[in-house]
Amino acid sequence: MLAFVALFQAAGRVDAAAGGAAVPAAHELSERRVLYEGEEGASCANFLTGSLAWQRRGGDWRDARGKLHGDAPFAEEAPGTRATMWDVTGLVRQWADAGVSRASFFLRSVSGPGFAIFLSREAKSPADWPMLVLELADGRRELLKPVADTHLDCSTYRSLGRSETLTVFGTVPALLQFQLPAKLSGSRVKRAQLVLSSASAPGGGAMRIGVFEIAVPAFPAPPVSPGLAADYPADKGIESHPDVVFAAGFDEWLRWRWAWAKDSAGEFDVVGDDSVRHFEPLVGSALRVNVKKGDNLGVDLRLLLKDHGGEPDELYFRYYLRLGDDWDPTVEAGKMPGLAGTYGTAGWGGRRSDGTNGWSLRGSFGRAFASDHPLHGLTQLGTYAYHADMTSAYGETWIWPGALLQRNRWYSIEQQVRLNKPGAADGLFRVWVDGRLLLERQQIRMRTVDRLHIESAWLNVFHGGVARSPYDQHLYIDNVVVARRYIGPLAAKPGGAAGAGK
């Protein structure tokens, strides 16, 4: 199948093979988990809205015993009329000895009714901002201002980080984060106090507020799962596997034009070199997709499964994706490849699925993160789902946790769909990125009738929504495989090293 394998072996180029690093490296994503006050910041449901969810609504914390959602505060006080001070020496020493660079406080009501409203770092006067006061063993005192603060109110889905006040009452906590001095050790900390100024006198009862540590959620880092591709370096000969329905690279362009729907559309071509955009091949040539300035459609290609042994009820679809150097969707989110059964009737473009008329589980890409966002420069992937239980005319976005892609790197993207039995909610959807399982959704319903199946592998890239791309944006696709069992990422050539995408 792949006539270019000899070239591949000579070059020794496998940019995102089994065993490669996560996307990006787990430690890099971990360092980006900082409290953010903007529109996509901390909210009732999310630590970073659209990318990293809390384990439970209303936020996560650890107590003085190290227990998640525990009840033992590191310190507690009744809110004062003008200000409130908590002695957090033990907690700050603990952080300093552990090499923690950011002090992350979670303030919540621990007893009694009432409410307290404090001034945040958005208050007009810096003298009113929250403060972490460190008295050091050498006699010096450091007054630290927060780098971020907010409160979590589950009566709204919005981030409240730009508010001039911080509220604590009932199940509404306040969160604050401070940057600790470099090379701070616990023995250097003589005393540490957290100080908040009151915006108004507390009321409603004798509430006491406890100090806890924010339990920042982690991005998933599951192990790499090799699949059937592990036995076929560079996918050479993978089409001969009995469970493979279709496989090809873009060196065989005529085969692609024959295999995929003839009414394809978009701005795409095949390239082996595109150095102006820092393109490096995965294996031979790749499909280059351009979302043109002033346009929405990048590519629309469909592999109709009726032409490849029939329409199944379960399928795996793997492709390699590389975001170009000019990829930057600052205006709106959009769609990526996935599996579908639209039958020209429903499951896309506001044509709501009802279980009888069609469905789709295309991939999606998120709008670019703001320049001050901790995930700036990465692209969040997800699924844009039209399913039988949807409540809107338009699709739902299911975020792939940890699927945050850098530009100029190859990634293995694999999706599994198992349709539900009509009358049952037993459908299954899974996603792997670089061989790591990042999303599994069970008990989903795509259909209520048995005439709907998996009609196509839909190679679709679409900007929006409605808004058009403000400039040309490129991405690259290669090594597409459709199979009846898990495929997994590319295997390295014999003796070669597997690694993260270049």
Protein backbone atom coordinates (compact mmCIF):
# COMPACT_ATOMS: atom_id res chain seq x y z
CA MET A 1 0.00 0.00 0.00
CA LEU A 2 2.61 2.53 1.06
CA ALA A 3 5.21 2.86 -1.64
CA PHE A 4 6.95 5.56 0.36
CA VAL A 5 8.03 3.26 3.22
CA ALA A 6 11.55 2.87 1.82
CA LEU A 7 11.96 6.63 1.95
CA PHE A 8 10.52 6.62 5.46
CA GLN A 9 12.99 3.99 6.64
CA ALA A 10 15.90 5.80 5.07
CA ALA A 11 14.93 9.02 6.82
CA GLY A 12 14.13 7.25 10.10
CA ARG A 13 11.19 9.58 10.60
CA VAL A 14 8.38 8.59 12.93
CA ASP A 15 7.27 11.78 14.63
CA ALA A 16 4.47 10.55 16.89
CA ALA A 17 4.72 6.83 17.39
CA ALA A 18 3.60 4.49 20.14
CA GLY A 19 5.33 5.32 23.36
CA GLY A 20 5.50 9.02 22.51
CA ALA A 21 4.93 11.77 24.99
CA ALA A 22 1.47 13.06 25.85
CA VAL A 23 0.16 16.27 24.29
CA PRO A 24 2.11 18.32 25.27
CA ALA A 25 4.35 16.67 27.90
CA ALA A 26 2.42 16.05 31.13
CA HIS A 27 4.77 18.20 33.23
CA GLU A 28 4.33 21.11 30.82
CA LEU A 29 0.54 20.99 31.09
CA SER A 30 0.82 20.64 34.86
CA GLU A 31 2.76 23.90 35.08
CA ARG A 32 0.00 25.68 33.15
CA ARG A 33 -2.66 24.84 35.78
CA VAL A 34 -2.85 28.29 37.33
CA LEU A 35 -5.84 30.21 38.63
CA TYR A 36 -7.18 32.42 35.83
CA GLU A 37 -9.66 35.28 36.17
CA GLY A 38 -10.78 35.73 32.57
CA GLU A 39 -13.86 34.54 30.70
CA GLU A 40 -12.50 30.97 30.48
CA GLY A 41 -11.26 30.97 34.06
CA ALA A 42 -12.47 29.31 37.25
CA SER A 43 -16.22 28.76 37.54
CA CYS A 44 -18.61 26.52 39.44
CA ALA A 45 -17.92 23.55 37.16
CA ASN A 46 -14.39 24.20 35.95
CA PHE A 47 -10.95 25.20 37.13
CA LEU A 48 -10.26 26.31 33.54
CA THR A 49 -13.56 26.61 31.70
CA GLY A 50 -13.63 24.50 28.56
CA SER A 51 -10.45 22.58 29.39
CA LEU A 52 -10.16 21.37 32.99
CA ALA A 53 -13.16 20.51 35.17
CA TRP A 54 -13.44 20.33 38.93
CA GLN A 55 -14.04 16.85 40.35
CA ARG A 56 -17.26 18.22 41.81
CA ARG A 57 -19.24 21.39 41.26
CA GLY A 58 -18.29 24.26 43.51
CA GLY A 59 -14.57 23.49 43.48
CA ASP A 60 -12.14 21.07 45.08
CA TRP A 61 -9.99 21.52 48.18
CA ARG A 62 -7.75 19.56 50.53
CA ASP A 63 -7.89 19.97 54.27
CA ALA A 64 -5.19 19.98 56.96
CA ARG A 65 -5.23 16.16 57.04
CA GLY A 66 -4.67 15.97 53.28
CA LYS A 67 -8.22 14.76 52.68
CA LEU A 68 -9.98 15.81 49.48
CA HIS A 69 -13.12 17.78 50.40
CA GLY A 70 -12.24 17.30 54.07
CA ASP A 71 -13.53 19.39 56.99
CA ALA A 72 -10.32 20.17 58.92
CA PRO A 73 -9.18 23.71 58.04
CA PHE A 74 -5.59 24.88 58.30
CA ALA A 75 -6.98 27.98 60.05
CA GLU A 76 -10.39 29.50 60.74
CA GLU A 77 -11.72 32.88 61.79
CA ALA A 78 -14.97 34.81 62.03
CA PRO A 79 -15.03 37.56 59.38
CA GLY A 80 -14.22 40.98 60.80
CA THR A 81 -15.94 44.29 60.21
CA ARG A 82 -12.92 45.90 58.54
CA ALA A 83 -10.59 42.98 57.79
CA THR A 84 -9.97 39.32 58.54
CA MET A 85 -6.60 37.68 59.24
CA TRP A 86 -5.83 33.97 59.21
CA ASP A 87 -2.59 32.48 60.52
CA VAL A 88 -1.49 30.23 57.65
CA THR A 89 2.08 29.63 58.83
CA GLY A 90 1.80 25.86 58.82
CA LEU A 91 0.35 25.71 55.33
CA VAL A 92 2.92 28.10 53.84
CA ARG A 93 5.78 26.17 55.48
CA GLN A 94 4.38 22.97 54.03
CA TRP A 95 4.29 24.49 50.55
CA ALA A 96 7.79 25.96 50.89
CA ASP A 97 9.32 22.64 51.94
CA ALA A 98 7.56 20.88 49.05
CA GLY A 99 8.94 23.37 46.52
CA VAL A 100 5.47 24.68 45.65
CA SER A 101 5.79 27.98 43.78
CA ARG A 102 2.16 29.15 44.06
CA ALA A 103 0.22 29.47 47.30
CA SER A 104 -3.37 28.47 46.46
CA PHE A 105 -5.97 29.24 49.14
CA PHE A 106 -9.56 27.97 49.23
CA LEU A 107 -11.77 29.88 51.71
CA ARG A 108 -15.11 28.37 52.66
CA SER A 109 -17.71 28.54 55.38
CA VAL A 110 -17.04 25.87 58.02
CA SER A 111 -19.75 26.70 60.58
CA GLY A 112 -22.69 28.97 61.22
CA PRO A 113 -24.94 30.96 58.90
CA GLY A 114 -23.97 34.26 57.37
CA PHE A 115 -22.00 35.88 54.59
CA ALA A 116 -18.85 37.90 54.07
CA ILE A 117 -17.86 40.15 51.16
CA PHE A 118 -14.19 40.99 50.77
CA LEU A 119 -12.34 43.25 48.35
CA SER A 120 -10.50 41.48 45.55
CA ARG A 121 -7.34 42.42 43.68
CA GLU A 122 -9.61 44.20 41.19
CA ALA A 123 -10.52 46.75 43.90
CA LYS A 124 -9.68 50.32 42.94
CA SER A 125 -7.16 50.88 45.73
CA PRO A 126 -4.18 48.48 45.96
CA ALA A 127 -4.22 49.10 49.71
CA ASP A 128 -7.50 47.13 49.82
CA TRP A 129 -6.22 44.13 47.89
CA PRO A 130 -5.81 40.74 49.59
CA MET A 131 -2.35 40.21 51.02
CA LEU A 132 -0.13 37.34 52.13
CA VAL A 133 2.24 38.66 54.80
CA LEU A 134 5.43 36.66 55.30
CA GLU A 135 7.61 37.32 58.34
CA LEU A 136 10.96 35.68 57.66
CA ALA A 137 13.51 34.31 60.08
CA ASP A 138 16.07 36.97 59.08
CA GLY A 139 13.69 39.73 60.22
CA ARG A 140 12.50 40.77 56.78
CA ARG A 141 8.82 41.03 55.89
CA GLU A 142 7.37 40.34 52.45
CA LEU A 143 3.92 41.63 51.46
CA LEU A 144 2.61 39.54 48.59
CA LYS A 145 -0.32 40.58 46.40
CA PRO A 146 -2.38 37.85 44.72
CA VAL A 147 -1.74 36.98 41.09
CA ALA A 148 -5.38 35.87 40.81
CA ASP A 149 -8.53 35.66 42.93
CA THR A 150 -12.18 34.77 42.38
CA HIS A 151 -15.22 33.16 43.97
CA LEU A 152 -17.34 30.26 42.70
CA ASP A 153 -21.09 30.79 42.54
CA CYS A 154 -23.10 27.89 41.12
CA SER A 155 -26.06 30.14 40.32
CA THR A 156 -24.08 31.14 37.20
CA TYR A 157 -21.88 29.27 34.76
CA ARG A 158 -19.65 32.32 34.31
CA SER A 159 -16.23 33.05 35.73
CA LEU A 160 -16.38 35.84 38.33
CA GLY A 161 -12.67 36.58 38.44
CA ARG A 162 -12.99 40.17 37.21
CA SER A 163 -15.26 41.16 40.10
CA GLU A 164 -14.06 43.79 42.60
CA THR A 165 -15.29 41.64 45.49
CA LEU A 166 -14.90 38.10 46.83
CA THR A 167 -17.94 36.51 48.44
CA VAL A 168 -18.02 33.65 50.94
CA PHE A 169 -21.31 32.16 52.13
CA GLY A 170 -22.97 28.76 52.19
CA THR A 171 -21.41 26.75 49.38
CA VAL A 172 -19.80 29.78 47.71
CA PRO A 173 -16.01 29.75 48.30
CA ALA A 174 -13.31 32.30 47.51
CA LEU A 175 -10.06 31.27 45.82
CA LEU A 176 -6.77 33.16 45.90
CA GLN A 177 -3.35 32.43 44.45
CA PHE A 178 -0.01 34.07 45.35
CA GLN A 179 3.44 33.62 43.83
CA LEU A 180 5.82 32.56 46.60
CA PRO A 181 9.41 33.88 46.72
CA ALA A 182 12.02 31.76 44.96
CA LYS A 183 14.03 29.31 47.09
CA LEU A 184 11.69 29.74 50.06
CA SER A 185 12.05 27.03 52.71
CA GLY A 186 9.79 26.27 55.63
CA SER A 187 12.53 27.10 58.13
CA ARG A 188 12.75 30.64 56.72
CA VAL A 189 9.06 31.32 57.42
CA LYS A 190 8.60 32.65 60.95
CA ARG A 191 4.97 33.59 60.41
CA ALA A 192 2.49 33.83 57.53
CA GLN A 193 -0.83 35.66 57.59
CA LEU A 194 -3.54 35.86 54.95
CA VAL A 195 -5.30 39.25 55.16
CA LEU A 196 -8.54 40.24 53.40
CA SER A 197 -10.22 43.65 53.64
CA SER A 198 -14.00 43.76 54.03
CA ALA A 199 -16.10 45.43 51.34
CA SER A 200 -18.95 45.65 53.86
CA ALA A 201 -19.70 44.38 57.34
CA PRO A 202 -20.42 40.64 57.50
CA GLY A 203 -23.99 39.66 58.20
CA GLY A 204 -26.57 36.94 58.50
CA GLY A 205 -25.11 35.13 61.49
CA ALA A 206 -21.99 33.86 63.23
CA MET A 207 -20.25 32.28 60.26
CA ARG A 208 -16.65 31.12 60.52
CA ILE A 209 -14.44 30.86 57.43
CA GLY A 210 -11.84 28.12 57.11
CA VAL A 211 -8.66 28.12 55.03
CA PHE A 212 -7.99 25.11 52.83
CA GLU A 213 -5.69 24.34 49.91
CA ILE A 214 -7.07 24.44 46.36
CA ALA A 215 -6.98 20.89 44.99
CA VAL A 216 -6.09 21.83 41.44
CA PRO A 217 -7.43 19.17 39.04
CA ALA A 218 -4.90 17.21 37.00
CA PHE A 219 -4.88 16.66 33.28
CA PRO A 220 -5.20 12.94 32.51
CA ALA A 221 -1.95 11.10 31.80
CA PRO A 222 -2.94 7.49 31.10
CA PRO A 223 -0.41 5.01 29.69
CA VAL A 224 0.05 4.57 25.95
CA SER A 225 -2.06 1.73 24.54
CA PRO A 226 -0.55 0.08 21.46
CA GLY A 227 -2.99 -1.29 18.91
CA LEU A 228 -2.89 -3.30 15.71
CA ALA A 229 -0.64 -0.65 14.11
CA ALA A 230 2.17 -1.77 16.44
CA ASP A 231 2.81 -4.70 14.09
CA TYR A 232 3.06 -2.51 10.98
CA PRO A 233 5.92 0.03 11.16
CA ALA A 234 4.91 3.20 9.32
CA ASP A 235 1.57 1.44 8.62
CA LYS A 236 3.32 -0.64 5.93
CA GLY A 237 0.96 -3.47 5.00
CA ILE A 238 -1.63 -2.49 7.59
CA GLU A 239 -4.38 -2.71 4.97
CA SER A 240 -3.86 -6.49 4.91
CA HIS A 241 -5.00 -6.88 8.52
CA PRO A 242 -8.42 -8.60 8.55
CA ASP A 243 -9.91 -5.93 10.83
CA VAL A 244 -8.78 -2.98 8.70
CA VAL A 245 -11.54 -1.53 6.52
CA PHE A 246 -9.46 1.16 4.81
CA ALA A 247 -5.94 2.53 5.07
CA ALA A 248 -3.84 4.83 2.92
CA GLY A 249 -1.34 7.63 3.03
CA PHE A 250 -1.53 10.66 0.78
CA ASP A 251 1.30 9.56 -1.50
CA GLU A 252 -1.40 7.59 -3.32
CA TRP A 253 -3.57 10.57 -4.19
CA LEU A 254 -5.40 8.84 -7.02
CA ARG A 255 -6.52 6.17 -4.59
CA TRP A 256 -7.82 8.82 -2.24
CA ARG A 257 -9.78 10.54 -4.98
CA TRP A 258 -11.30 7.20 -5.89
CA ALA A 259 -12.00 6.04 -2.33
CA TRP A 260 -13.54 9.19 -0.91
CA ALA A 261 -16.80 10.76 -2.03
CA LYS A 262 -16.46 12.36 -5.45
CA ASP A 263 -18.39 15.48 -4.46
CA SER A 264 -15.61 16.57 -2.09
CA ALA A 265 -15.16 20.27 -1.41
CA GLY A 266 -12.72 22.69 0.16
CA GLU A 267 -9.24 24.11 -0.24
CA PHE A 268 -6.83 21.17 0.03
CA ASP A 269 -3.90 19.58 -1.78
CA VAL A 270 -1.11 17.07 -1.23
CA VAL A 271 2.35 18.29 -0.22
CA GLY A 272 5.68 16.74 0.67
CA ASP A 273 7.28 20.07 1.45
CA ASP A 274 5.90 23.29 2.92
CA SER A 275 8.90 24.74 4.70
CA VAL A 276 7.49 28.27 4.77
CA ARG A 277 4.99 26.97 7.38
CA HIS A 278 7.60 24.81 9.16
CA PHE A 279 5.98 21.63 7.87
CA GLU A 280 7.84 18.36 8.42
CA PRO A 281 6.41 15.17 6.89
CA LEU A 282 5.21 12.35 9.08
CA VAL A 283 5.70 9.70 6.40
CA GLY A 284 5.99 10.98 2.83
CA SER A 285 3.34 13.40 1.63
CA ALA A 286 0.36 14.70 3.59
CA LEU A 287 -2.98 16.34 2.91
CA ARG A 288 -2.67 20.10 3.39
CA VAL A 289 -5.92 21.85 4.33
CA ASN A 290 -6.32 25.62 4.10
CA VAL A 291 -9.13 27.41 5.90
CA LYS A 292 -8.95 30.45 3.65
CA LYS A 293 -9.35 34.04 4.75
CA GLY A 294 -13.03 34.96 4.48
CA ASP A 295 -14.18 31.33 4.26
CA ASN A 296 -15.43 28.58 6.58
CA LEU A 297 -14.71 25.31 4.78
CA GLY A 298 -11.29 23.74 4.83
CA VAL A 299 -12.12 20.25 3.58
CA ASP A 300 -15.15 17.98 3.23
CA LEU A 301 -14.30 14.37 2.29
CA ARG A 302 -16.35 11.31 3.17
CA LEU A 303 -15.37 7.66 3.07
CA LEU A 304 -18.71 5.92 2.46
CA LEU A 305 -18.59 2.64 4.32
CA LYS A 306 -21.23 0.99 2.14
CA ASP A 307 -18.46 0.81 -0.47
CA HIS A 308 -16.09 -0.90 1.97
CA GLY A 309 -17.94 -3.94 3.24
CA GLY A 310 -21.09 -2.29 4.55
CA GLU A 311 -22.16 0.12 7.27
CA PRO A 312 -21.16 -1.20 10.72
CA ASP A 313 -22.44 -0.34 14.19
CA GLU A 314 -18.93 -0.09 15.67
CA LEU A 315 -15.79 1.39 14.15
CA TYR A 316 -12.40 2.95 14.90
CA PHE A 317 -11.07 5.92 12.93
CA ARG A 318 -7.45 7.03 13.31
CA TYR A 319 -5.67 9.85 11.53
CA TYR A 320 -2.60 11.98 12.12
CA LEU A 321 -3.00 15.72 12.58
CA ARG A 322 -0.50 18.56 12.47
CA LEU A 323 -1.57 22.17 13.08
CA GLY A 324 0.30 24.56 10.82
CA ASP A 325 2.52 27.42 11.92
CA ASP A 326 -0.27 29.88 10.99
CA TRP A 327 -3.03 27.99 12.85
CA ASP A 328 -4.69 30.46 15.25
CA PRO A 329 -8.53 30.33 15.42
CA THR A 330 -9.00 33.56 17.36
CA VAL A 331 -12.56 34.25 16.16
CA GLU A 332 -14.54 31.04 16.62
CA ALA A 333 -14.31 27.31 17.26
CA GLY A 334 -14.93 24.74 14.54
CA LYS A 335 -15.14 21.14 13.39
CA MET A 336 -12.62 18.35 12.82
CA PRO A 337 -12.82 14.80 11.37
CA GLY A 338 -15.01 12.14 12.97
CA LEU A 339 -17.59 9.42 12.31
CA ALA A 340 -21.16 10.04 11.20
CA GLY A 341 -24.46 8.68 9.99
CA THR A 342 -26.19 11.76 8.62
CA TYR A 343 -27.70 10.17 5.48
CA GLY A 344 -28.15 13.65 4.03
CA THR A 345 -30.98 14.31 6.50
CA ALA A 346 -29.86 15.31 10.00
CA GLY A 347 -26.92 15.50 12.34
CA TRP A 348 -25.17 18.66 11.16
CA GLY A 349 -25.78 22.35 10.45
CA GLY A 350 -28.68 22.83 12.88
CA ARG A 351 -30.49 19.72 11.63
CA ARG A 352 -31.29 18.29 15.04
CA SER A 353 -30.96 14.55 15.61
CA ASP A 354 -34.00 12.81 17.07
CA GLY A 355 -32.86 9.19 16.93
CA THR A 356 -34.58 8.44 13.62
CA ASN A 357 -33.03 10.86 11.14
CA GLY A 358 -29.24 10.83 11.54
CA TRP A 359 -26.34 11.55 13.87
CA SER A 360 -22.70 12.66 13.88
CA LEU A 361 -19.69 12.73 16.19
CA ARG A 362 -17.28 15.01 14.41
CA GLY A 363 -14.21 16.28 16.16
CA SER A 364 -13.98 19.92 17.16
CA PHE A 365 -11.36 22.56 17.83
CA GLY A 366 -11.76 25.35 20.35
CA ARG A 367 -11.32 29.06 19.86
CA ALA A 368 -7.78 30.21 20.59
CA PHE A 369 -7.09 31.03 24.23
CA ALA A 370 -6.60 34.69 25.11
CA SER A 371 -3.03 35.99 25.26
CA ASP A 372 -3.07 36.06 29.09
CA HIS A 373 -4.63 32.60 29.42
CA PRO A 374 -2.32 29.92 30.88
CA LEU A 375 -3.09 27.64 27.90
CA HIS A 376 -2.36 30.31 25.29
CA GLY A 377 -0.77 28.86 22.16
CA LEU A 378 -2.47 25.46 22.50
CA THR A 379 -5.60 24.27 20.68
CA GLN A 380 -8.25 22.36 22.64
CA LEU A 381 -9.82 19.43 20.78
CA GLY A 382 -13.19 17.88 21.48
CA THR A 383 -16.25 16.30 19.87
CA TYR A 384 -19.16 18.13 18.26
CA ALA A 385 -22.03 15.73 18.90
CA TYR A 386 -25.44 15.39 17.29
CA HIS A 387 -27.18 12.59 19.20
CA ALA A 388 -30.67 11.38 20.03
CA ASP A 389 -30.85 13.12 23.42
CA MET A 390 -29.61 16.55 22.36
CA THR A 391 -31.67 19.48 23.61
CA SER A 392 -30.68 22.13 21.07
CA ALA A 393 -30.86 22.36 17.29
CA TYR A 394 -27.07 22.58 17.25
CA GLY A 395 -24.47 20.11 18.46
CA GLU A 396 -23.00 19.69 21.92
CA THR A 397 -19.28 20.03 22.56
CA TRP A 398 -17.63 17.24 24.55
CA ILE A 399 -14.16 18.38 25.60
CA TRP A 400 -11.30 15.87 25.35
CA PRO A 401 -9.48 16.48 28.67
CA GLY A 402 -5.79 17.09 28.09
CA ALA A 403 -6.10 17.16 24.28
CA LEU A 404 -4.27 20.47 23.99
CA LEU A 405 -2.27 20.55 20.78
CA GLN A 406 0.78 22.57 19.89
CA ARG A 407 1.49 23.86 16.41
CA ASN A 408 4.06 22.11 14.21
CA ARG A 409 3.72 18.66 15.84
CA TRP A 410 2.14 15.45 14.60
CA TYR A 411 -0.49 13.79 16.80
CA SER A 412 -2.32 10.49 16.49
CA ILE A 413 -6.08 11.07 16.83
CA GLU A 414 -8.31 8.01 17.20
CA GLN A 415 -12.05 7.82 17.82
CA GLN A 416 -14.23 4.78 18.52
CA VAL A 417 -17.99 4.74 18.07
CA ARG A 418 -20.23 1.87 19.15
CA LEU A 419 -23.84 2.68 18.35
CA ASN A 420 -26.48 1.90 20.93
CA LYS A 421 -29.04 -0.81 20.35
CA PRO A 422 -32.38 0.79 19.41
CA GLY A 423 -34.38 1.17 22.60
CA ALA A 424 -31.29 1.09 24.83
CA ALA A 425 -28.84 3.70 26.09
CA ASP A 426 -25.73 1.57 25.70
CA GLY A 427 -23.73 3.49 23.10
CA LEU A 428 -20.00 4.05 23.62
CA PHE A 429 -17.59 6.74 22.46
CA ARG A 430 -13.84 6.82 23.14
CA VAL A 431 -10.96 9.07 22.11
CA TRP A 432 -7.22 8.41 22.17
CA VAL A 433 -4.56 11.03 21.47
CA ASP A 434 -1.07 9.62 20.87
CA GLY A 435 -2.38 6.30 22.12
CA ARG A 436 -3.62 7.68 25.45
CA LEU A 437 -7.30 7.28 26.33
CA LEU A 438 -8.51 10.81 27.13
CA LEU A 439 -12.29 10.47 26.88
CA GLU A 440 -14.83 7.70 27.39
CA ARG A 441 -18.57 8.36 27.31
CA GLN A 442 -20.97 5.52 27.99
CA GLN A 443 -24.74 5.15 27.87
CA ILE A 444 -25.16 7.49 24.91
CA ARG A 445 -27.97 7.20 22.37
CA MET A 446 -27.34 7.92 18.71
CA ARG A 447 -30.43 6.18 17.32
CA THR A 448 -33.84 4.76 18.14
CA VAL A 449 -34.23 2.81 14.89
CA ASP A 450 -32.05 0.08 13.42
CA ARG A 451 -31.79 1.63 9.95
CA LEU A 452 -29.17 4.11 11.18
CA HIS A 453 -25.57 2.88 11.20
CA ILE A 454 -22.07 4.31 10.80
CA GLU A 455 -22.40 5.71 7.31
CA SER A 456 -19.06 7.48 6.85
CA ALA A 457 -15.67 8.49 8.12
CA TRP A 458 -16.06 12.23 7.71
CA LEU A 459 -12.85 14.11 7.00
CA ASN A 460 -14.19 17.57 7.72
CA VAL A 461 -12.48 20.82 8.76
CA PHE A 462 -14.84 23.78 9.17
CA HIS A 463 -14.33 27.20 10.80
CA GLY A 464 -17.40 28.04 12.89
CA GLY A 465 -20.31 28.27 13.42
CA VAL A 466 -20.94 31.22 11.24
CA ALA A 467 -17.87 33.45 11.57
CA ARG A 468 -15.38 33.16 8.74
CA SER A 469 -11.66 32.71 9.14
CA PRO A 470 -9.91 36.10 9.46
CA TYR A 471 -6.84 34.80 7.61
CA ASP A 472 -5.48 31.67 5.94
CA GLN A 473 -4.95 28.85 8.45
CA HIS A 474 -3.37 25.51 7.54
CA LEU A 475 -3.33 22.04 9.00
CA TYR A 476 -2.08 18.67 7.72
CA ILE A 477 -3.57 15.16 7.80
CA ASP A 478 -1.87 11.83 7.11
CA ASN A 479 -1.99 8.06 7.71
CA VAL A 480 -5.73 7.51 7.92
CA VAL A 481 -6.86 4.05 9.05
CA VAL A 482 -10.43 2.82 9.55
CA ALA A 483 -10.80 -0.51 11.37
CA ARG A 484 -13.05 -2.79 13.37
CA ARG A 485 -10.67 -2.83 16.38
CA TYR A 486 -8.35 -0.42 18.15
CA ILE A 487 -5.62 0.83 15.80
CA GLY A 488 -3.22 2.79 17.99
CA PRO A 489 -0.42 5.14 16.97
CA LEU A 490 2.28 4.43 14.42
CA ALA A 491 4.99 1.94 15.31
CA ALA A 492 8.60 3.02 14.99
CA LYS A 493 10.68 1.35 12.31
CA PRO A 494 12.73 -1.60 13.59
CA GLY A 495 15.53 -0.27 15.76
CA GLY A 496 14.10 3.24 15.59
CA ALA A 497 13.11 5.41 18.49
CA ALA A 498 9.53 6.36 19.12
CA GLY A 499 8.93 9.84 20.30
CA ALA A 500 6.76 12.90 20.40
CA GLY A 501 5.80 14.68 17.22
CA LYS A 502 8.36 17.05 15.80
